[in-house]
Each structure stands twice: as structure tokens, then as C-alpha cells.
Amino acid sequence: MFFHRHNDEDVRKKGVINALGAFVYVTAVALFISNLQNPDTPDSPEIKILAPIGFLMLFVLSAAVMGVLIFGSPAMLYIDGKKKESAQLLGWTVGSLAAITACTLLAVMFVSVR
């Protein structure tokens, strides 16, 4: 298992990997949604009904995927009695996710200023 040594370096790596996994997933979903948009197609009644259903299903799926990526491993560590490692992993995952989010928002601001 990934935590066979239980050292801080393993926890840091796993936290960063979890955050990067979340970023990759969000990027893939965003690319998928952007490819669905076609301004030349008029909205049909079917689209008007299916679009909110599709959005809500994607939202639920995304919540499940993010839950597994962000809280899955820490929860398993906590259940196994490794409370310190669990808290560290959650901290590194959320911290890394915050850093990636900040970098992404800075990139958006930089590109939009040009």
C-alpha cells in the first residue's frame, strides 16, 4: 500500500497527487462542456429538458468523484486508526488544491488582461 512507511513525504505526495487528479478531472469536464456548446444550433424542446438533467447528473457525478479523490484516502486512513496521517493527507490535498486553484485563477486574470 502507498502508506507502508507512514512518513510525511508519502503523505505530501499523495495529497498533491489527489489535488492534481481533481484538477485533471475538472479540466476534462470543462473541455467536454465547452465542446458541447454550439451557438449555431437552436434550442429544441428536448435540449431544454435534457440540459438541466444533464447538468445536475454531471454535478452529482462530480461531487462523487471529488469526494473520493479528496476524502477517500483520508477516511480510510482514519478508519484504520491512522488519525495523524489522515489529517495530514487531507491538509496536503486541500492545500495543494487551493494552490492549483490560485494558479489557475491567476492565469485567467493574466490572460483576460491581455
Protein backbone atom coordinates (compact mmCIF):
# COMPACT_ATOMS: atom_id res chain seq x y z
CA MET A 1 0.00 0.00 0.00
CA PHE A 2 1.03 3.60 -0.54
CA PHE A 3 1.35 4.29 3.20
CA HIS A 4 3.54 1.34 4.12
CA ARG A 5 6.19 3.61 5.71
CA HIS A 6 3.84 6.27 7.05
CA ASN A 7 6.31 9.09 6.58
CA ASP A 8 5.44 12.71 5.90
CA GLU A 9 6.87 12.63 2.36
CA ASP A 10 4.39 9.91 1.33
CA VAL A 11 1.51 11.92 2.75
CA ARG A 12 2.63 15.06 0.90
CA LYS A 13 2.99 13.21 -2.40
CA LYS A 14 -0.43 11.58 -2.06
CA GLY A 15 -2.04 14.93 -1.20
CA VAL A 16 -0.53 16.63 -4.24
CA ILE A 17 -1.48 13.68 -6.46
CA ASN A 18 -5.09 13.84 -5.19
CA ALA A 19 -5.28 17.57 -5.92
CA LEU A 20 -3.78 17.11 -9.39
CA GLY A 21 -6.29 14.33 -10.05
CA ALA A 22 -9.11 16.72 -9.12
CA PHE A 23 -7.66 19.38 -11.43
CA VAL A 24 -7.39 16.93 -14.33
CA TYR A 25 -10.97 15.78 -13.78
CA VAL A 26 -12.32 19.36 -13.66
CA THR A 27 -10.33 20.26 -16.77
CA ALA A 28 -11.69 17.23 -18.64
CA VAL A 29 -15.27 18.11 -17.67
CA ALA A 30 -14.76 21.75 -18.70
CA LEU A 31 -13.37 20.68 -22.08
CA PHE A 32 -16.29 18.30 -22.55
CA ILE A 33 -18.82 21.03 -21.76
CA SER A 34 -17.09 23.57 -23.99
CA ASN A 35 -17.20 21.09 -26.88
CA LEU A 36 -20.96 20.66 -26.40
CA GLN A 37 -21.65 24.34 -26.92
CA ASN A 38 -22.65 25.18 -30.45
CA PRO A 39 -24.15 28.65 -30.83
CA ASP A 40 -25.48 27.87 -34.34
CA THR A 41 -27.89 25.21 -33.08
CA PRO A 42 -31.31 26.46 -31.98
CA ASP A 43 -32.57 25.10 -28.67
CA SER A 44 -35.08 22.35 -29.26
CA PRO A 45 -37.63 21.35 -26.59
CA GLU A 46 -35.63 18.18 -25.96
CA ILE A 47 -32.48 20.19 -25.25
CA LYS A 48 -34.37 22.49 -22.89
CA ILE A 49 -35.44 19.46 -20.84
CA LEU A 50 -32.28 17.38 -21.12
CA ALA A 51 -29.81 20.21 -20.44
CA PRO A 52 -30.76 20.71 -16.76
CA ILE A 53 -30.95 16.95 -16.23
CA GLY A 54 -27.51 16.54 -17.76
CA PHE A 55 -26.13 19.42 -15.70
CA LEU A 56 -27.50 18.01 -12.43
CA MET A 57 -26.26 14.50 -13.22
CA LEU A 58 -22.82 15.89 -14.03
CA PHE A 59 -22.90 17.86 -10.76
CA VAL A 60 -23.76 14.73 -8.76
CA LEU A 61 -21.09 12.69 -10.54
CA SER A 62 -18.53 15.44 -9.97
CA ALA A 63 -19.38 15.61 -6.26
CA ALA A 64 -18.89 11.84 -6.01
CA VAL A 65 -15.56 11.90 -7.89
CA MET A 66 -14.27 14.84 -5.84
CA GLY A 67 -15.42 13.13 -2.64
CA VAL A 68 -13.42 10.04 -3.50
CA LEU A 69 -10.34 12.00 -4.64
CA ILE A 70 -10.29 14.39 -1.70
CA PHE A 71 -11.81 12.45 1.20
CA GLY A 72 -11.49 8.77 0.23
CA SER A 73 -7.92 8.08 1.30
CA PRO A 74 -8.07 10.23 4.46
CA ALA A 75 -11.27 8.46 5.51
CA MET A 76 -9.68 5.04 5.00
CA LEU A 77 -6.62 6.08 7.00
CA TYR A 78 -8.84 7.41 9.78
CA ILE A 79 -10.82 4.16 9.89
CA ASP A 80 -7.53 2.25 10.07
CA GLY A 81 -6.63 4.27 13.18
CA LYS A 82 -4.05 6.45 11.44
CA LYS A 83 -5.57 9.76 12.51
CA LYS A 84 -2.39 11.83 12.18
CA GLU A 85 -1.71 10.61 8.63
CA SER A 86 -5.38 11.13 7.76
CA ALA A 87 -5.34 14.76 8.88
CA GLN A 88 -2.01 15.41 7.14
CA LEU A 89 -3.21 13.88 3.88
CA LEU A 90 -6.42 15.90 3.94
CA GLY A 91 -4.42 19.05 4.69
CA TRP A 92 -1.97 18.43 1.86
CA THR A 93 -4.76 17.58 -0.58
CA VAL A 94 -6.83 20.67 0.23
CA GLY A 95 -3.73 22.88 0.41
CA SER A 96 -2.49 21.64 -2.96
CA LEU A 97 -5.95 22.08 -4.43
CA ALA A 98 -6.02 25.66 -3.12
CA ALA A 99 -2.60 26.34 -4.68
CA ILE A 100 -3.67 24.89 -8.04
CA THR A 101 -6.89 26.92 -7.90
CA ALA A 102 -4.97 30.12 -7.12
CA CYS A 103 -2.58 29.49 -10.02
CA THR A 104 -5.49 28.80 -12.36
CA LEU A 105 -7.31 31.97 -11.31
CA LEU A 106 -4.11 33.99 -11.72
CA ALA A 107 -3.70 32.54 -15.21
CA VAL A 108 -7.29 33.50 -16.04
CA MET A 109 -6.69 37.04 -14.78
CA PHE A 110 -3.42 37.28 -16.72
CA VAL A 111 -5.00 36.07 -19.96
CA SER A 112 -8.07 38.29 -19.59
CA VAL A 113 -5.93 41.43 -19.09
CA ARG A 114 -4.12 40.94 -22.40
